[in-house]
Amino acid sequence: MTQLDKRDAAADALRGGPRRRRTRRRAAPLPLLLPALVGLAFLVVPLLALLVRAPWRDLPSQLTSTEVWQALQLSLVCATLATLVSLVLGVPLAWLLARTEFRGRGLVRALVTLPLVLPPVVGGVALLTALGRNGIVGQYLDQWFGLTLPFTTTGVVIAEAFVAMPFLVISVEGTLRAADPRYEEAAMTLGASRFTAFRRVTLPLIAPGVAAGSVLAWARALGEFGATITFAGNFPGRTQTMPLAVYLALQSDPAAAIALSLVLLAVSITVLAGLRDRWMTAS
């Protein structure tokens, strides 16, 4: 150790710990700064346009109409039910992908994440093909149980869960992979079954990831449009959610469409604010 190193070590000891090196803030190079600013404007300007063109004076009357409240209530209820379906089915699926080894696991993971990149309209057509009255599964539901899923409120929940569940599965699987499996193994060595170890040990450990995935799934379900209108239709009071109401209002009353869009924008900002602590912890 050189004399300079000894002096730095002594200074660190007096301060109670190693010194933190201060990173210099350097100016961004122009070839990177310009496209970054253009990209920021590309994402922010359309959102600002909503605020600029919003009919603020007529906003209370726009948002208190019966049709808007029906669409908002239906959206909140269906998004919540879709999130519950995603939790019941998605958490075990995430555990299966993260904690078990089986042939074809990569293919299963690809199929689970496929709705993330699949056009929502294609997802709606696929749901009709599977669960419609003449679908490969829906025909038996109709014949044996008298269940008709398309163009019903239940169909809205199914369409939203189809597109929202992958968000929860990805979030929970990532949290499970980061969690130490030795706690679960220790619980099993003490006599707990694997399910009990998951319920009493693993689930509390991954609770933040489950919560973050649930919020993301809920937000995605709330904003779903393509699969919903294809599989469930656009019937006011029964299947017309907020995104569908925005689309319908845009054809006849652009001011009302902007007002409804502000509601969804406010919900999205609330979701981002709620997940901020989660992201900061992960980073």
Protein backbone atom coordinates (compact mmCIF):
# COMPACT_ATOMS: atom_id res chain seq x y z
CA MET A 1 0.00 0.00 0.00
CA THR A 2 1.40 3.35 -1.01
CA GLN A 3 1.53 6.36 1.24
CA LEU A 4 -1.36 7.93 -0.67
CA ASP A 5 -3.52 4.82 -0.19
CA LYS A 6 -2.77 4.82 3.53
CA ARG A 7 -3.81 8.44 3.79
CA ASP A 8 -7.10 7.76 1.94
CA ALA A 9 -7.79 4.78 4.21
CA ALA A 10 -7.20 6.90 7.29
CA ALA A 11 -9.52 9.58 5.97
CA ASP A 12 -12.18 6.96 5.29
CA ALA A 13 -11.86 5.64 8.83
CA LEU A 14 -12.34 9.12 10.28
CA ARG A 15 -15.47 9.63 8.18
CA GLY A 16 -16.91 6.32 9.31
CA GLY A 17 -16.77 4.54 5.96
CA PRO A 18 -15.38 4.60 2.47
CA ARG A 19 -15.69 7.77 0.50
CA ARG A 20 -18.18 7.94 -2.27
CA ARG A 21 -16.70 8.98 -5.52
CA ARG A 22 -18.52 11.87 -7.07
CA THR A 23 -19.46 11.22 -10.63
CA ARG A 24 -19.06 14.13 -12.97
CA ARG A 25 -22.14 15.27 -14.80
CA ARG A 26 -21.11 15.67 -18.37
CA ALA A 27 -23.10 17.26 -21.13
CA ALA A 28 -24.81 14.85 -23.50
CA PRO A 29 -23.32 14.71 -27.01
CA LEU A 30 -25.39 16.53 -29.59
CA PRO A 31 -26.03 13.42 -31.80
CA LEU A 32 -27.71 11.79 -28.78
CA LEU A 33 -29.34 14.85 -27.27
CA LEU A 34 -31.31 15.91 -30.35
CA PRO A 35 -33.05 12.57 -31.05
CA ALA A 36 -33.67 12.17 -27.30
CA LEU A 37 -35.47 15.53 -27.19
CA VAL A 38 -37.44 14.68 -30.33
CA GLY A 39 -38.44 11.35 -28.80
CA LEU A 40 -39.53 13.08 -25.60
CA ALA A 41 -41.61 15.58 -27.56
CA PHE A 42 -43.10 12.75 -29.62
CA LEU A 43 -44.39 11.08 -26.43
CA VAL A 44 -45.37 14.17 -24.45
CA VAL A 45 -46.90 16.56 -27.00
CA PRO A 46 -49.97 14.38 -27.76
CA LEU A 47 -50.70 14.14 -24.03
CA LEU A 48 -50.33 17.89 -23.64
CA ALA A 49 -52.68 18.36 -26.58
CA LEU A 50 -55.40 16.58 -24.59
CA LEU A 51 -54.96 19.06 -21.77
CA VAL A 52 -54.86 22.07 -24.10
CA ARG A 53 -57.96 21.07 -26.09
CA ALA A 54 -59.93 19.73 -23.13
CA PRO A 55 -63.37 21.35 -22.74
CA TRP A 56 -62.75 22.42 -19.16
CA ARG A 57 -65.97 24.45 -18.87
CA ASP A 58 -68.14 21.60 -20.09
CA LEU A 59 -66.11 18.91 -18.35
CA PRO A 60 -68.45 18.50 -15.32
CA SER A 61 -71.50 18.03 -17.52
CA GLN A 62 -69.58 15.70 -19.86
CA LEU A 63 -68.44 13.46 -17.03
CA THR A 64 -71.72 13.38 -15.11
CA SER A 65 -73.87 11.99 -17.90
CA THR A 66 -75.51 8.60 -17.40
CA GLU A 67 -73.66 6.99 -20.31
CA VAL A 68 -70.27 8.03 -18.98
CA TRP A 69 -70.99 6.76 -15.48
CA GLN A 70 -72.25 3.45 -16.85
CA ALA A 71 -69.12 3.04 -18.95
CA LEU A 72 -66.86 4.05 -16.07
CA GLN A 73 -68.57 1.74 -13.60
CA LEU A 74 -68.48 -1.15 -16.05
CA SER A 75 -64.81 -0.50 -16.77
CA LEU A 76 -63.84 -0.47 -13.10
CA VAL A 77 -65.84 -3.60 -12.27
CA CYS A 78 -64.66 -5.59 -15.28
CA ALA A 79 -61.02 -4.53 -14.87
CA THR A 80 -61.11 -5.57 -11.21
CA LEU A 81 -62.70 -8.93 -12.01
CA ALA A 82 -60.19 -9.50 -14.83
CA THR A 83 -57.37 -8.76 -12.38
CA LEU A 84 -58.79 -11.27 -9.90
CA VAL A 85 -58.94 -13.89 -12.66
CA SER A 86 -55.36 -13.06 -13.57
CA LEU A 87 -54.29 -13.46 -9.94
CA VAL A 88 -56.00 -16.82 -9.47
CA LEU A 89 -54.58 -18.24 -12.69
CA GLY A 90 -51.46 -16.15 -13.25
CA VAL A 91 -49.66 -16.53 -9.92
CA PRO A 92 -49.61 -20.36 -10.10
CA LEU A 93 -48.55 -20.12 -13.74
CA ALA A 94 -45.69 -17.78 -12.82
CA TRP A 95 -44.61 -20.15 -10.04
CA LEU A 96 -44.65 -23.06 -12.51
CA LEU A 97 -42.39 -21.17 -14.91
CA ALA A 98 -40.01 -19.94 -12.22
CA ARG A 99 -39.73 -22.88 -9.84
CA THR A 100 -40.11 -26.05 -11.91
CA GLU A 101 -38.19 -27.67 -14.73
CA PHE A 102 -40.12 -29.38 -17.51
CA ARG A 103 -39.74 -30.04 -21.18
CA GLY A 104 -41.04 -27.22 -23.33
CA ARG A 105 -40.91 -24.57 -20.63
CA GLY A 106 -39.50 -22.02 -23.08
CA LEU A 107 -42.39 -22.67 -25.46
CA VAL A 108 -44.91 -22.28 -22.62
CA ARG A 109 -43.34 -18.97 -21.60
CA ALA A 110 -43.49 -17.76 -25.20
CA LEU A 111 -47.18 -18.69 -25.43
CA VAL A 112 -47.90 -16.93 -22.14
CA THR A 113 -46.28 -13.71 -23.32
CA LEU A 114 -47.79 -13.90 -26.82
CA PRO A 115 -50.81 -11.67 -25.96
CA LEU A 116 -48.32 -8.88 -25.21
CA VAL A 117 -47.37 -8.62 -28.89
CA LEU A 118 -50.52 -10.06 -30.45
CA PRO A 119 -52.82 -7.40 -31.96
CA PRO A 120 -55.81 -7.15 -29.59
CA VAL A 121 -58.27 -7.58 -32.46
CA VAL A 122 -56.60 -10.89 -33.31
CA GLY A 123 -56.99 -11.85 -29.65
CA GLY A 124 -60.70 -11.08 -29.89
CA VAL A 125 -61.06 -13.20 -33.01
CA ALA A 126 -59.19 -16.03 -31.28
CA LEU A 127 -61.55 -15.80 -28.30
CA LEU A 128 -64.55 -15.94 -30.63
CA THR A 129 -63.08 -18.98 -32.35
CA ALA A 130 -62.56 -20.70 -29.02
CA LEU A 131 -65.45 -19.52 -26.89
CA GLY A 132 -68.10 -18.43 -29.37
CA ARG A 133 -71.31 -20.39 -29.83
CA ASN A 134 -69.66 -22.33 -32.65
CA GLY A 135 -66.20 -22.26 -31.06
CA ILE A 136 -64.20 -25.36 -30.24
CA VAL A 137 -65.02 -24.91 -26.54
CA GLY A 138 -67.94 -22.51 -26.61
CA GLN A 139 -70.24 -24.89 -28.47
CA TYR A 140 -70.03 -27.35 -25.60
CA LEU A 141 -70.56 -24.60 -23.02
CA ASP A 142 -73.69 -23.61 -24.90
CA GLN A 143 -75.01 -27.17 -25.38
CA TRP A 144 -74.22 -28.58 -21.95
CA PHE A 145 -74.58 -25.58 -19.64
CA GLY A 146 -76.40 -22.95 -21.70
CA LEU A 147 -73.52 -20.51 -21.27
CA THR A 148 -73.06 -17.84 -23.91
CA LEU A 149 -69.93 -15.75 -23.37
CA PRO A 150 -69.59 -13.43 -26.41
CA PHE A 151 -71.34 -10.05 -26.29
CA THR A 152 -71.92 -10.25 -22.55
CA THR A 153 -70.37 -8.57 -19.53
CA THR A 154 -68.63 -11.85 -18.74
CA GLY A 155 -67.14 -11.68 -22.22
CA VAL A 156 -65.66 -8.28 -21.35
CA VAL A 157 -63.97 -9.77 -18.29
CA ILE A 158 -62.61 -12.69 -20.32
CA ALA A 159 -61.26 -10.42 -23.07
CA GLU A 160 -59.58 -8.12 -20.54
CA ALA A 161 -58.08 -11.01 -18.59
CA PHE A 162 -56.71 -12.50 -21.81
CA VAL A 163 -54.67 -9.40 -22.60
CA ALA A 164 -53.83 -8.42 -18.99
CA MET A 165 -52.70 -11.71 -17.45
CA PRO A 166 -49.26 -11.78 -19.16
CA PHE A 167 -48.30 -8.55 -17.38
CA LEU A 168 -48.95 -10.17 -14.01
CA VAL A 169 -47.23 -13.43 -14.95
CA ILE A 170 -44.06 -11.66 -16.10
CA SER A 171 -43.92 -9.49 -12.98
CA VAL A 172 -44.50 -12.38 -10.56
CA GLU A 173 -42.12 -14.72 -12.38
CA GLY A 174 -39.34 -12.13 -12.21
CA THR A 175 -39.96 -11.63 -8.50
CA LEU A 176 -39.94 -15.39 -7.90
CA ARG A 177 -36.62 -15.76 -9.70
CA ALA A 178 -35.13 -13.01 -7.55
CA ALA A 179 -36.46 -14.54 -4.31
CA ASP A 180 -34.17 -17.00 -2.53
CA PRO A 181 -35.64 -20.52 -2.87
CA ARG A 182 -33.75 -21.70 0.23
CA TYR A 183 -36.45 -20.28 2.50
CA GLU A 184 -39.02 -22.43 0.76
CA GLU A 185 -36.72 -25.46 0.95
CA ALA A 186 -36.10 -24.86 4.65
CA ALA A 187 -39.84 -24.80 5.31
CA MET A 188 -40.24 -28.13 3.51
CA THR A 189 -37.44 -29.71 5.55
CA LEU A 190 -39.43 -28.74 8.66
CA GLY A 191 -42.41 -30.73 7.44
CA ALA A 192 -44.38 -28.21 5.41
CA SER A 193 -45.81 -29.31 2.09
CA ARG A 194 -44.72 -27.50 -1.03
CA PHE A 195 -48.03 -25.67 -1.25
CA THR A 196 -47.86 -24.67 2.41
CA ALA A 197 -44.31 -23.43 1.93
CA PHE A 198 -45.47 -21.37 -1.02
CA ARG A 199 -48.46 -19.96 0.86
CA ARG A 200 -46.73 -19.22 4.16
CA VAL A 201 -43.18 -18.38 3.03
CA THR A 202 -42.85 -17.60 -0.66
CA LEU A 203 -46.04 -15.63 -1.17
CA PRO A 204 -45.25 -13.04 1.53
CA LEU A 205 -41.76 -12.63 0.03
CA ILE A 206 -43.08 -11.94 -3.46
CA ALA A 207 -46.04 -9.82 -2.32
CA PRO A 208 -44.56 -6.56 -3.76
CA GLY A 209 -44.13 -8.21 -7.16
CA VAL A 210 -47.66 -9.59 -7.04
CA ALA A 211 -49.00 -6.15 -6.14
CA ALA A 212 -47.07 -4.46 -8.95
CA GLY A 213 -48.19 -7.07 -11.46
CA SER A 214 -51.80 -6.72 -10.30
CA VAL A 215 -51.73 -2.96 -10.80
CA LEU A 216 -50.23 -3.34 -14.25
CA ALA A 217 -52.79 -5.98 -15.18
CA TRP A 218 -55.62 -3.80 -13.86
CA ALA A 219 -54.42 -0.80 -15.85
CA ARG A 220 -54.05 -2.89 -19.00
CA ALA A 221 -57.53 -4.34 -18.54
CA LEU A 222 -58.99 -0.89 -17.99
CA GLY A 223 -57.58 0.36 -21.28
CA GLU A 224 -58.39 -2.71 -23.38
CA PHE A 225 -60.23 -1.98 -26.63
CA GLY A 226 -59.59 -4.34 -29.55
CA ALA A 227 -60.29 -7.71 -27.97
CA THR A 228 -63.26 -6.30 -26.05
CA ILE A 229 -65.09 -4.81 -29.04
CA THR A 230 -64.40 -7.94 -31.12
CA PHE A 231 -65.43 -10.51 -28.53
CA ALA A 232 -67.94 -8.61 -26.38
CA GLY A 233 -69.27 -5.91 -28.68
CA ASN A 234 -70.19 -2.33 -27.82
CA PHE A 235 -73.54 -2.35 -26.03
CA PRO A 236 -74.13 0.58 -23.64
CA GLY A 237 -74.65 -0.52 -20.06
CA ARG A 238 -73.58 -4.10 -20.79
CA THR A 239 -70.28 -4.23 -22.69
CA GLN A 240 -69.41 -0.59 -23.43
CA THR A 241 -66.31 0.23 -21.39
CA MET A 242 -64.53 3.58 -21.27
CA PRO A 243 -62.22 2.99 -24.26
CA LEU A 244 -65.22 1.94 -26.34
CA ALA A 245 -67.14 5.01 -25.16
CA VAL A 246 -64.20 7.20 -26.24
CA TYR A 247 -64.22 5.59 -29.68
CA LEU A 248 -67.98 6.05 -30.04
CA ALA A 249 -67.89 9.67 -28.82
CA LEU A 250 -65.06 10.55 -31.19
CA GLN A 251 -67.35 9.90 -34.16
CA SER A 252 -70.02 12.38 -33.07
CA ASP A 253 -68.67 14.56 -30.24
CA PRO A 254 -64.87 15.05 -30.18
CA ALA A 255 -65.11 17.20 -27.03
CA ALA A 256 -66.73 14.35 -25.15
CA ALA A 257 -64.05 11.96 -26.44
CA ILE A 258 -61.36 14.27 -25.08
CA ALA A 259 -63.13 14.48 -21.72
CA LEU A 260 -63.35 10.70 -21.46
CA SER A 261 -59.72 10.39 -22.52
CA LEU A 262 -58.74 12.68 -19.65
CA VAL A 263 -60.32 10.23 -17.22
CA LEU A 264 -58.24 7.36 -18.58
CA LEU A 265 -55.16 9.59 -18.61
CA ALA A 266 -55.70 10.44 -14.93
CA VAL A 267 -56.04 6.75 -14.10
CA SER A 268 -52.81 5.95 -15.96
CA ILE A 269 -50.92 8.68 -14.13
CA THR A 270 -52.24 7.37 -10.82
CA VAL A 271 -51.02 3.87 -11.71
CA LEU A 272 -47.56 5.17 -12.62
CA ALA A 273 -47.38 7.13 -9.37
CA GLY A 274 -48.40 4.05 -7.40
CA LEU A 275 -45.69 1.93 -9.03
CA ARG A 276 -42.97 4.55 -8.68
CA ASP A 277 -41.75 3.24 -5.31
CA ARG A 278 -41.67 -0.26 -6.72
CA TRP A 279 -39.53 0.79 -9.67
CA MET A 280 -37.22 2.86 -7.50
CA THR A 281 -36.70 -0.14 -5.19
CA ALA A 282 -36.01 -2.43 -8.15
CA SER A 283 -33.47 -0.01 -9.57
